[in-house]
Amino acid sequence: MIRREFFARSVHEVAAELIGATFLVDGVGGKLVELEAYHHEDPAAHGYRGRTARNASMFGPPGHAYVYRSYGVHWCANFVCEAEGVADAVLIRALEPTQGLEEMRRRRGLEDERLLCAGPGRLCQALAITGEHDGLPLDRPPFRLEPRTEPPEIARGPRIGITRAADLPWRYGLAGSRFLSRPLRPA
């Protein structure tokens, strides 16, 4: 199992090493195939302008969840990285569903497994991640993170859905995965 200490380093190292890892919430989830890195000096990061009630978990200790509501509609989940007081996090963009598919289909109201977790809002709905998960440690239930079993081919590209620092190649994905929210080129 991946422990909190794993997250006490650069968001870029964490994002790249989590591609292919297994992420479960109450036994439902699958293989992480797409993540985005957000650094505290990055103008697109929630913590860039300082701590607020909304982003407080992002400033907490590494190895905890930072969950927020996007546009008042979708929940988005992040893994807090680096060090306490430093607002670095990795956004979970997509996973390949492997466990609890029927539960995910019920929660999402669709059959197509490719679309169950392709995008941060879809992923949170499929895994039933809400604001209740904000600030929880990632190495304790309801979460379970297992390391990947072999090194994957990683693709990189610009992040999605942001206007600041949008050109930075800080989106990491499993090359060739059909479960990505959008295609990526191999790095």
N, C-alpha and C. Protein backbone atom coordinates (compact mmCIF):
# COMPACT_ATOMS: atom_id res chain seq x y z
N MET A 1 0.84 -1.18 0.00
CA MET A 1 0.00 0.00 0.00
C MET A 1 0.89 1.25 0.00
N ILE A 2 0.44 2.28 -0.71
CA ILE A 2 1.17 3.54 -0.74
C ILE A 2 0.85 4.32 0.53
N ARG A 3 1.89 4.75 1.23
CA ARG A 3 1.75 5.48 2.49
C ARG A 3 1.85 6.98 2.25
N ARG A 4 1.46 7.74 3.25
CA ARG A 4 1.48 9.21 3.16
C ARG A 4 2.85 9.76 2.81
N GLU A 5 3.92 9.13 3.28
CA GLU A 5 5.27 9.62 3.03
C GLU A 5 5.59 9.71 1.53
N PHE A 6 4.95 8.86 0.73
CA PHE A 6 5.14 8.85 -0.72
C PHE A 6 4.86 10.24 -1.32
N PHE A 7 3.92 10.97 -0.72
CA PHE A 7 3.47 12.25 -1.26
C PHE A 7 4.32 13.44 -0.81
N ALA A 8 5.27 13.23 0.06
CA ALA A 8 6.08 14.32 0.60
C ALA A 8 7.24 14.67 -0.33
N ARG A 9 6.91 14.98 -1.58
CA ARG A 9 7.90 15.36 -2.59
C ARG A 9 7.20 16.07 -3.74
N SER A 10 7.94 16.34 -4.79
CA SER A 10 7.45 17.10 -5.93
C SER A 10 6.17 16.52 -6.53
N VAL A 11 5.24 17.40 -6.88
CA VAL A 11 4.00 16.97 -7.55
C VAL A 11 4.30 16.25 -8.85
N HIS A 12 5.39 16.60 -9.52
CA HIS A 12 5.72 15.97 -10.79
C HIS A 12 6.21 14.53 -10.60
N GLU A 13 6.99 14.31 -9.57
CA GLU A 13 7.42 12.94 -9.25
C GLU A 13 6.22 12.09 -8.86
N VAL A 14 5.37 12.63 -8.01
CA VAL A 14 4.19 11.90 -7.54
C VAL A 14 3.27 11.58 -8.70
N ALA A 15 2.95 12.57 -9.52
CA ALA A 15 2.03 12.35 -10.65
C ALA A 15 2.55 11.25 -11.58
N ALA A 16 3.82 11.33 -11.95
CA ALA A 16 4.39 10.34 -12.87
C ALA A 16 4.39 8.94 -12.24
N GLU A 17 4.70 8.84 -10.96
CA GLU A 17 4.78 7.53 -10.32
C GLU A 17 3.42 6.94 -9.98
N LEU A 18 2.37 7.75 -9.99
CA LEU A 18 1.04 7.22 -9.72
C LEU A 18 0.34 6.67 -10.96
N ILE A 19 0.86 6.99 -12.15
CA ILE A 19 0.26 6.43 -13.36
C ILE A 19 0.42 4.91 -13.30
N GLY A 20 -0.70 4.21 -13.37
CA GLY A 20 -0.70 2.75 -13.27
C GLY A 20 -0.98 2.21 -11.88
N ALA A 21 -0.97 3.08 -10.86
CA ALA A 21 -1.31 2.65 -9.50
C ALA A 21 -2.81 2.41 -9.40
N THR A 22 -3.23 1.66 -8.42
CA THR A 22 -4.65 1.38 -8.20
C THR A 22 -5.18 2.27 -7.09
N PHE A 23 -6.30 2.94 -7.37
CA PHE A 23 -6.95 3.83 -6.40
C PHE A 23 -8.37 3.34 -6.18
N LEU A 24 -8.70 3.06 -4.92
CA LEU A 24 -10.03 2.57 -4.55
C LEU A 24 -10.63 3.44 -3.45
N VAL A 25 -11.94 3.60 -3.51
CA VAL A 25 -12.70 4.26 -2.45
C VAL A 25 -13.79 3.27 -2.04
N ASP A 26 -13.70 2.79 -0.81
CA ASP A 26 -14.62 1.75 -0.33
C ASP A 26 -14.68 0.56 -1.30
N GLY A 27 -13.52 0.18 -1.84
CA GLY A 27 -13.43 -0.98 -2.72
C GLY A 27 -13.82 -0.76 -4.17
N VAL A 28 -14.17 0.47 -4.52
CA VAL A 28 -14.59 0.80 -5.89
C VAL A 28 -13.52 1.68 -6.52
N GLY A 29 -13.09 1.34 -7.74
CA GLY A 29 -12.09 2.17 -8.42
C GLY A 29 -11.36 1.41 -9.49
N GLY A 30 -10.06 1.72 -9.65
CA GLY A 30 -9.28 1.08 -10.69
C GLY A 30 -7.91 1.69 -10.83
N LYS A 31 -7.34 1.55 -12.03
CA LYS A 31 -5.98 1.98 -12.34
C LYS A 31 -5.96 3.46 -12.73
N LEU A 32 -5.13 4.24 -12.05
CA LEU A 32 -4.97 5.66 -12.39
C LEU A 32 -4.31 5.80 -13.75
N VAL A 33 -4.97 6.53 -14.66
CA VAL A 33 -4.45 6.68 -16.02
C VAL A 33 -4.20 8.13 -16.40
N GLU A 34 -4.66 9.10 -15.58
CA GLU A 34 -4.46 10.50 -15.93
C GLU A 34 -4.49 11.37 -14.68
N LEU A 35 -3.45 12.21 -14.54
CA LEU A 35 -3.31 13.11 -13.40
C LEU A 35 -2.76 14.45 -13.88
N GLU A 36 -3.06 15.51 -13.14
CA GLU A 36 -2.49 16.82 -13.43
C GLU A 36 -1.80 17.36 -12.20
N ALA A 37 -0.61 17.96 -12.39
CA ALA A 37 0.17 18.52 -11.30
C ALA A 37 -0.14 20.01 -11.14
N TYR A 38 -0.28 20.45 -9.88
CA TYR A 38 -0.48 21.86 -9.53
C TYR A 38 0.49 22.23 -8.43
N HIS A 39 1.39 23.15 -8.73
CA HIS A 39 2.46 23.58 -7.85
C HIS A 39 2.08 24.91 -7.20
N HIS A 40 2.54 25.17 -5.99
CA HIS A 40 2.16 26.38 -5.26
C HIS A 40 2.58 27.67 -5.96
N GLU A 41 3.56 27.63 -6.85
CA GLU A 41 3.96 28.83 -7.60
C GLU A 41 3.27 28.90 -8.97
N ASP A 42 2.34 28.01 -9.20
CA ASP A 42 1.59 27.89 -10.45
C ASP A 42 0.32 28.75 -10.35
N PRO A 43 0.15 29.76 -11.22
CA PRO A 43 -1.03 30.62 -11.12
C PRO A 43 -2.35 29.90 -11.35
N ALA A 44 -2.33 28.67 -11.86
CA ALA A 44 -3.56 27.89 -12.03
C ALA A 44 -3.92 27.09 -10.78
N ALA A 45 -3.02 27.01 -9.82
CA ALA A 45 -3.25 26.23 -8.60
C ALA A 45 -4.17 26.99 -7.64
N HIS A 46 -5.03 26.25 -6.97
CA HIS A 46 -5.96 26.87 -6.02
C HIS A 46 -5.27 27.57 -4.87
N GLY A 47 -4.08 27.12 -4.51
CA GLY A 47 -3.37 27.72 -3.38
C GLY A 47 -2.47 28.88 -3.75
N TYR A 48 -2.41 29.24 -5.01
CA TYR A 48 -1.50 30.27 -5.49
C TYR A 48 -1.69 31.61 -4.78
N ARG A 49 -2.91 31.98 -4.52
CA ARG A 49 -3.20 33.28 -3.89
C ARG A 49 -3.34 33.20 -2.37
N GLY A 50 -3.07 32.03 -1.82
CA GLY A 50 -3.14 31.88 -0.38
C GLY A 50 -4.24 30.96 0.09
N ARG A 51 -4.24 30.75 1.38
CA ARG A 51 -5.17 29.82 2.03
C ARG A 51 -6.55 30.43 2.17
N THR A 52 -7.57 29.62 1.89
CA THR A 52 -8.97 30.01 2.10
C THR A 52 -9.69 28.83 2.77
N ALA A 53 -10.92 29.02 3.14
CA ALA A 53 -11.69 27.91 3.71
C ALA A 53 -11.83 26.78 2.68
N ARG A 54 -11.99 27.14 1.41
CA ARG A 54 -12.17 26.14 0.35
C ARG A 54 -10.92 25.30 0.13
N ASN A 55 -9.74 25.91 0.13
CA ASN A 55 -8.52 25.18 -0.23
C ASN A 55 -7.65 24.79 0.98
N ALA A 56 -8.16 24.91 2.18
CA ALA A 56 -7.36 24.66 3.39
C ALA A 56 -6.69 23.29 3.38
N SER A 57 -7.36 22.27 2.88
CA SER A 57 -6.77 20.92 2.86
C SER A 57 -5.54 20.84 1.96
N MET A 58 -5.49 21.70 0.95
CA MET A 58 -4.35 21.73 0.03
C MET A 58 -3.08 22.18 0.76
N PHE A 59 -3.24 22.91 1.84
CA PHE A 59 -2.11 23.39 2.64
C PHE A 59 -1.76 22.42 3.77
N GLY A 60 -2.53 21.36 3.88
CA GLY A 60 -2.32 20.39 4.96
C GLY A 60 -1.16 19.46 4.68
N PRO A 61 -1.03 18.45 5.51
CA PRO A 61 0.08 17.52 5.34
C PRO A 61 -0.06 16.71 4.06
N PRO A 62 1.06 16.31 3.45
CA PRO A 62 1.01 15.48 2.25
C PRO A 62 0.37 14.13 2.56
N GLY A 63 -0.21 13.54 1.51
CA GLY A 63 -0.84 12.23 1.68
C GLY A 63 -2.27 12.31 2.15
N HIS A 64 -2.89 13.46 1.96
CA HIS A 64 -4.30 13.65 2.31
C HIS A 64 -5.06 14.07 1.06
N ALA A 65 -6.38 13.94 1.12
CA ALA A 65 -7.22 14.33 -0.01
C ALA A 65 -7.56 15.81 0.07
N TYR A 66 -7.58 16.45 -1.07
CA TYR A 66 -8.12 17.80 -1.22
C TYR A 66 -9.27 17.67 -2.21
N VAL A 67 -10.50 17.83 -1.72
CA VAL A 67 -11.70 17.67 -2.54
C VAL A 67 -12.44 18.99 -2.57
N TYR A 68 -12.79 19.44 -3.76
CA TYR A 68 -13.49 20.71 -3.91
C TYR A 68 -14.59 20.59 -4.96
N ARG A 69 -15.48 21.53 -4.95
CA ARG A 69 -16.58 21.58 -5.91
C ARG A 69 -16.15 22.48 -7.06
N SER A 70 -16.24 21.99 -8.29
CA SER A 70 -15.87 22.75 -9.48
C SER A 70 -17.12 23.37 -10.09
N TYR A 71 -17.09 24.68 -10.24
CA TYR A 71 -18.22 25.43 -10.82
C TYR A 71 -19.54 25.14 -10.10
N GLY A 72 -19.46 24.74 -8.83
CA GLY A 72 -20.65 24.46 -8.04
C GLY A 72 -21.41 23.22 -8.47
N VAL A 73 -20.81 22.40 -9.35
CA VAL A 73 -21.51 21.25 -9.91
C VAL A 73 -20.82 19.93 -9.59
N HIS A 74 -19.53 19.80 -9.96
CA HIS A 74 -18.82 18.53 -9.86
C HIS A 74 -17.79 18.55 -8.74
N TRP A 75 -17.68 17.42 -8.04
CA TRP A 75 -16.59 17.25 -7.09
C TRP A 75 -15.33 16.88 -7.85
N CYS A 76 -14.19 17.35 -7.38
CA CYS A 76 -12.88 17.00 -7.94
C CYS A 76 -11.98 16.60 -6.79
N ALA A 77 -11.19 15.53 -6.99
CA ALA A 77 -10.32 15.01 -5.94
C ALA A 77 -8.85 15.17 -6.31
N ASN A 78 -8.06 15.52 -5.32
CA ASN A 78 -6.62 15.73 -5.47
C ASN A 78 -5.89 15.00 -4.36
N PHE A 79 -4.61 14.70 -4.63
CA PHE A 79 -3.71 14.16 -3.63
C PHE A 79 -2.77 15.30 -3.23
N VAL A 80 -2.74 15.66 -1.95
CA VAL A 80 -1.87 16.74 -1.46
C VAL A 80 -0.43 16.23 -1.42
N CYS A 81 0.50 17.06 -1.91
CA CYS A 81 1.92 16.68 -2.02
C CYS A 81 2.81 17.67 -1.31
N GLU A 82 4.12 17.41 -1.39
CA GLU A 82 5.22 18.28 -0.95
C GLU A 82 5.35 18.32 0.57
N ALA A 83 4.88 19.41 1.21
CA ALA A 83 5.05 19.57 2.65
C ALA A 83 3.88 20.37 3.22
N GLU A 84 3.62 20.20 4.50
CA GLU A 84 2.55 20.96 5.13
C GLU A 84 2.83 22.45 4.99
N GLY A 85 1.79 23.20 4.65
CA GLY A 85 1.92 24.64 4.46
C GLY A 85 2.26 25.02 3.03
N VAL A 86 2.59 24.04 2.19
CA VAL A 86 2.90 24.27 0.77
C VAL A 86 1.74 23.70 -0.04
N ALA A 87 1.06 24.54 -0.79
CA ALA A 87 -0.15 24.12 -1.51
C ALA A 87 0.16 23.47 -2.85
N ASP A 88 0.64 22.23 -2.82
CA ASP A 88 0.88 21.44 -4.02
C ASP A 88 -0.08 20.25 -4.00
N ALA A 89 -0.62 19.93 -5.16
CA ALA A 89 -1.55 18.80 -5.24
C ALA A 89 -1.58 18.23 -6.65
N VAL A 90 -2.00 16.98 -6.74
CA VAL A 90 -2.16 16.28 -8.00
C VAL A 90 -3.64 16.00 -8.18
N LEU A 91 -4.24 16.54 -9.24
CA LEU A 91 -5.65 16.30 -9.56
C LEU A 91 -5.80 14.95 -10.23
N ILE A 92 -6.75 14.17 -9.76
CA ILE A 92 -7.05 12.87 -10.38
C ILE A 92 -8.02 13.14 -11.54
N ARG A 93 -7.55 12.96 -12.77
CA ARG A 93 -8.38 13.24 -13.95
C ARG A 93 -9.12 12.01 -14.47
N ALA A 94 -8.51 10.83 -14.40
CA ALA A 94 -9.18 9.65 -14.97
C ALA A 94 -8.57 8.37 -14.42
N LEU A 95 -9.40 7.33 -14.41
CA LEU A 95 -8.91 6.00 -14.09
C LEU A 95 -9.62 4.97 -14.94
N GLU A 96 -8.96 3.84 -15.10
CA GLU A 96 -9.55 2.70 -15.81
C GLU A 96 -10.31 1.89 -14.77
N PRO A 97 -11.64 1.85 -14.87
CA PRO A 97 -12.41 1.15 -13.84
C PRO A 97 -12.18 -0.35 -13.89
N THR A 98 -11.85 -0.92 -12.73
CA THR A 98 -11.60 -2.36 -12.66
C THR A 98 -12.35 -3.04 -11.52
N GLN A 99 -12.73 -2.28 -10.49
CA GLN A 99 -13.40 -2.87 -9.34
C GLN A 99 -14.66 -2.08 -9.01
N GLY A 100 -15.77 -2.81 -8.84
CA GLY A 100 -17.03 -2.15 -8.51
C GLY A 100 -17.71 -1.52 -9.71
N LEU A 101 -17.54 -2.12 -10.90
CA LEU A 101 -18.11 -1.55 -12.12
C LEU A 101 -19.62 -1.37 -12.04
N GLU A 102 -20.32 -2.34 -11.50
CA GLU A 102 -21.79 -2.22 -11.42
C GLU A 102 -22.20 -1.05 -10.53
N GLU A 103 -21.47 -0.86 -9.44
CA GLU A 103 -21.76 0.27 -8.55
C GLU A 103 -21.48 1.59 -9.27
N MET A 104 -20.37 1.65 -10.01
CA MET A 104 -20.06 2.86 -10.78
C MET A 104 -21.13 3.14 -11.84
N ARG A 105 -21.56 2.09 -12.53
CA ARG A 105 -22.61 2.26 -13.56
C ARG A 105 -23.89 2.79 -12.93
N ARG A 106 -24.23 2.27 -11.76
CA ARG A 106 -25.44 2.74 -11.07
C ARG A 106 -25.31 4.21 -10.69
N ARG A 107 -24.17 4.57 -10.12
CA ARG A 107 -23.95 5.95 -9.68
C ARG A 107 -23.93 6.93 -10.85
N ARG A 108 -23.37 6.51 -11.97
CA ARG A 108 -23.25 7.39 -13.14
C ARG A 108 -24.45 7.29 -14.07
N GLY A 109 -25.24 6.22 -13.95
CA GLY A 109 -26.42 6.08 -14.81
C GLY A 109 -26.08 5.80 -16.26
N LEU A 110 -24.98 5.06 -16.48
CA LEU A 110 -24.62 4.69 -17.86
C LEU A 110 -23.85 3.38 -17.87
N GLU A 111 -23.78 2.76 -19.03
CA GLU A 111 -23.14 1.46 -19.18
C GLU A 111 -21.71 1.55 -19.69
N ASP A 112 -21.39 2.52 -20.53
CA ASP A 112 -20.09 2.62 -21.19
C ASP A 112 -18.97 2.77 -20.17
N GLU A 113 -18.18 1.71 -19.97
CA GLU A 113 -17.13 1.76 -18.95
C GLU A 113 -16.06 2.80 -19.27
N ARG A 114 -15.86 3.14 -20.54
CA ARG A 114 -14.87 4.15 -20.90
C ARG A 114 -15.24 5.51 -20.34
N LEU A 115 -16.52 5.80 -20.21
CA LEU A 115 -16.96 7.10 -19.72
C LEU A 115 -17.24 7.15 -18.22
N LEU A 116 -17.09 6.05 -17.53
CA LEU A 116 -17.39 6.03 -16.10
C LEU A 116 -16.49 6.98 -15.31
N CYS A 117 -15.20 7.00 -15.62
CA CYS A 117 -14.23 7.77 -14.82
C CYS A 117 -13.30 8.61 -15.68
N ALA A 118 -13.72 8.99 -16.89
CA ALA A 118 -12.92 9.80 -17.81
C ALA A 118 -13.22 11.27 -17.58
N GLY A 119 -12.53 11.86 -16.63
CA GLY A 119 -12.73 13.25 -16.24
C GLY A 119 -12.92 13.32 -14.74
N PRO A 120 -12.44 14.39 -14.10
CA PRO A 120 -12.47 14.45 -12.63
C PRO A 120 -13.87 14.43 -12.03
N GLY A 121 -14.84 15.08 -12.65
CA GLY A 121 -16.21 15.07 -12.14
C GLY A 121 -16.85 13.71 -12.27
N ARG A 122 -16.68 13.07 -13.40
CA ARG A 122 -17.21 11.73 -13.62
C ARG A 122 -16.59 10.75 -12.63
N LEU A 123 -15.27 10.84 -12.46
CA LEU A 123 -14.56 9.95 -11.56
C LEU A 123 -15.10 10.08 -10.13
N CYS A 124 -15.27 11.30 -9.66
CA CYS A 124 -15.78 11.49 -8.29
C CYS A 124 -17.20 10.97 -8.15
N GLN A 125 -18.03 11.16 -9.15
CA GLN A 125 -19.39 10.63 -9.09
C GLN A 125 -19.35 9.10 -9.06
N ALA A 126 -18.55 8.48 -9.91
CA ALA A 126 -18.46 7.02 -9.97
C ALA A 126 -17.93 6.42 -8.68
N LEU A 127 -16.99 7.11 -8.02
CA LEU A 127 -16.39 6.61 -6.78
C LEU A 127 -17.08 7.16 -5.53
N ALA A 128 -18.11 7.97 -5.72
CA ALA A 128 -18.89 8.58 -4.63
C ALA A 128 -18.01 9.45 -3.74
N ILE A 129 -17.07 10.18 -4.34
CA ILE A 129 -16.22 11.11 -3.60
C ILE A 129 -16.96 12.44 -3.49
N THR A 130 -17.05 12.96 -2.27
CA THR A 130 -17.74 14.24 -2.02
C THR A 130 -16.88 15.08 -1.07
N GLY A 131 -17.40 16.21 -0.70
CA GLY A 131 -16.72 17.07 0.26
C GLY A 131 -16.46 16.40 1.59
N GLU A 132 -17.18 15.36 1.90
CA GLU A 132 -16.96 14.60 3.14
C GLU A 132 -15.57 13.95 3.16
N HIS A 133 -14.97 13.76 1.99
CA HIS A 133 -13.66 13.13 1.89
C HIS A 133 -12.51 14.14 1.99
N ASP A 134 -12.83 15.42 1.95
CA ASP A 134 -11.81 16.46 1.99
C ASP A 134 -11.00 16.37 3.28
N GLY A 135 -9.67 16.33 3.14
CA GLY A 135 -8.78 16.31 4.30
C GLY A 135 -8.48 14.94 4.87
N LEU A 136 -9.12 13.89 4.35
CA LEU A 136 -8.88 12.55 4.89
C LEU A 136 -7.53 11.99 4.43
N PRO A 137 -6.88 11.18 5.27
CA PRO A 137 -5.60 10.57 4.88
C PRO A 137 -5.83 9.53 3.78
N LEU A 138 -4.90 9.48 2.83
CA LEU A 138 -5.03 8.58 1.68
C LEU A 138 -4.62 7.15 1.98
N ASP A 139 -3.99 6.90 3.13
CA ASP A 139 -3.56 5.55 3.46
C ASP A 139 -4.44 4.89 4.52
N ARG A 140 -5.66 5.40 4.62
CA ARG A 140 -6.64 4.82 5.55
C ARG A 140 -7.99 4.73 4.85
N PRO A 141 -8.85 3.80 5.29
CA PRO A 141 -10.19 3.72 4.70
C PRO A 141 -10.92 5.06 4.85
N PRO A 142 -11.68 5.44 3.86
CA PRO A 142 -12.21 4.62 2.76
C PRO A 142 -11.28 4.48 1.57
N PHE A 143 -10.08 5.12 1.61
CA PHE A 143 -9.16 5.09 0.48
C PHE A 143 -8.23 3.88 0.55
N ARG A 144 -7.81 3.45 -0.62
CA ARG A 144 -6.76 2.44 -0.73
C ARG A 144 -5.98 2.75 -2.01
N LEU A 145 -4.67 2.89 -1.87
CA LEU A 145 -3.77 3.15 -3.00
C LEU A 145 -2.72 2.06 -3.04
N GLU A 146 -2.67 1.33 -4.15
CA GLU A 146 -1.70 0.26 -4.33
C GLU A 146 -0.72 0.68 -5.43
N PRO A 147 0.58 0.45 -5.24
CA PRO A 147 1.56 0.83 -6.26
C PRO A 147 1.36 0.03 -7.55
N ARG A 148 1.81 0.61 -8.64
CA ARG A 148 1.74 -0.09 -9.92
C ARG A 148 2.67 -1.29 -9.88
N THR A 149 2.39 -2.26 -10.72
CA THR A 149 3.18 -3.48 -10.74
C THR A 149 4.31 -3.43 -11.76
N GLU A 150 4.23 -2.54 -12.74
CA GLU A 150 5.29 -2.39 -13.74
C GLU A 150 5.31 -0.96 -14.23
N PRO A 151 6.47 -0.47 -14.66
CA PRO A 151 6.54 0.92 -15.14
C PRO A 151 5.79 1.07 -16.46
N PRO A 152 4.91 2.06 -16.55
CA PRO A 152 4.13 2.27 -17.77
C PRO A 152 4.82 3.25 -18.72
N GLU A 153 4.33 3.31 -19.95
CA GLU A 153 4.75 4.36 -20.87
C GLU A 153 3.88 5.57 -20.55
N ILE A 154 4.53 6.66 -20.19
CA ILE A 154 3.80 7.86 -19.77
C ILE A 154 3.80 8.89 -20.88
N ALA A 155 2.64 9.49 -21.09
CA ALA A 155 2.48 10.59 -22.04
C ALA A 155 2.25 11.86 -21.23
N ARG A 156 2.67 13.00 -21.81
CA ARG A 156 2.48 14.28 -21.12
C ARG A 156 1.92 15.30 -22.09
N GLY A 157 1.24 16.28 -21.52
CA GLY A 157 0.72 17.36 -22.34
C GLY A 157 0.19 18.47 -21.47
N PRO A 158 -0.39 19.51 -22.09
CA PRO A 158 -0.94 20.62 -21.32
C PRO A 158 -2.17 20.21 -20.53
N ARG A 159 -2.38 20.91 -19.43
CA ARG A 159 -3.54 20.63 -18.58
C ARG A 159 -4.82 21.08 -19.30
N ILE A 160 -5.94 20.63 -18.78
CA ILE A 160 -7.24 20.86 -19.41
C ILE A 160 -8.12 21.76 -18.55
N GLY A 161 -8.89 22.63 -19.18
CA GLY A 161 -9.91 23.40 -18.48
C GLY A 161 -9.40 24.54 -17.63
N ILE A 162 -8.20 25.04 -17.92
CA ILE A 162 -7.66 26.18 -17.18
C ILE A 162 -7.26 27.27 -18.17
N THR A 163 -7.14 28.49 -17.67
CA THR A 163 -6.73 29.60 -18.53
C THR A 163 -5.33 30.10 -18.17
N ARG A 164 -4.91 29.96 -16.93
CA ARG A 164 -3.57 30.39 -16.50
C ARG A 164 -2.60 29.22 -16.63
N ALA A 165 -1.41 29.50 -17.13
CA ALA A 165 -0.35 28.49 -17.27
C ALA A 165 -0.84 27.24 -18.00
N ALA A 166 -1.74 27.44 -18.95
CA ALA A 166 -2.36 26.32 -19.67
C ALA A 166 -1.39 25.59 -20.59
N ASP A 167 -0.29 26.22 -20.94
CA ASP A 167 0.66 25.60 -21.87
C ASP A 167 1.66 24.66 -21.20
N LEU A 168 1.71 24.65 -19.88
CA LEU A 168 2.66 23.79 -19.18
C LEU A 168 2.30 22.31 -19.38
N PRO A 169 3.27 21.46 -19.68
CA PRO A 169 3.00 20.03 -19.91
C PRO A 169 2.90 19.25 -18.61
N TRP A 170 1.94 19.64 -17.77
CA TRP A 170 1.81 19.07 -16.44
C TRP A 170 0.65 18.10 -16.31
N ARG A 171 0.16 17.60 -17.44
CA ARG A 171 -0.84 16.53 -17.43
C ARG A 171 -0.11 15.24 -17.79
N TYR A 172 -0.24 14.24 -16.93
CA TYR A 172 0.44 12.96 -17.08
C TYR A 172 -0.61 11.89 -17.35
N GLY A 173 -0.32 11.01 -18.31
CA GLY A 173 -1.27 9.96 -18.62
C GLY A 173 -0.61 8.67 -19.05
N LEU A 174 -1.38 7.61 -19.01
CA LEU A 174 -0.94 6.31 -19.48
C LEU A 174 -1.05 6.33 -21.00
N ALA A 175 0.09 6.24 -21.68
CA ALA A 175 0.11 6.31 -23.15
C ALA A 175 -0.80 5.25 -23.75
N GLY A 176 -1.65 5.68 -24.68
CA GLY A 176 -2.52 4.76 -25.39
C GLY A 176 -3.76 4.31 -24.66
N SER A 177 -3.97 4.76 -23.43
CA SER A 177 -5.15 4.33 -22.67
C SER A 177 -6.43 4.90 -23.28
N ARG A 178 -7.42 4.06 -23.44
CA ARG A 178 -8.72 4.53 -23.96
C ARG A 178 -9.56 5.18 -22.86
N PHE A 179 -9.05 5.18 -21.63
CA PHE A 179 -9.80 5.73 -20.50
C PHE A 179 -9.40 7.16 -20.15
N LEU A 180 -8.47 7.76 -20.90
CA LEU A 180 -8.10 9.16 -20.69
C LEU A 180 -9.29 10.06 -20.97
N SER A 181 -9.31 11.22 -20.31
CA SER A 181 -10.39 12.18 -20.60
C SER A 181 -10.22 12.78 -21.99
N ARG A 182 -8.96 12.94 -22.41
CA ARG A 182 -8.60 13.38 -23.77
C ARG A 182 -7.26 12.75 -24.13
N PRO A 183 -7.01 12.53 -25.42
CA PRO A 183 -5.74 11.88 -25.83
C PRO A 183 -4.50 12.70 -25.43
N LEU A 184 -3.39 12.00 -25.27
CA LEU A 184 -2.08 12.58 -24.96
C LEU A 184 -1.02 11.95 -25.87
N ARG A 185 0.07 12.68 -26.09
CA ARG A 185 1.20 12.14 -26.84
C ARG A 185 2.20 11.51 -25.87
N PRO A 186 2.90 10.43 -26.29
CA PRO A 186 3.95 9.89 -25.41
C PRO A 186 5.03 10.93 -25.14
N ALA A 187 5.58 10.91 -23.93
CA ALA A 187 6.61 11.89 -23.53
C ALA A 187 7.93 11.58 -24.19
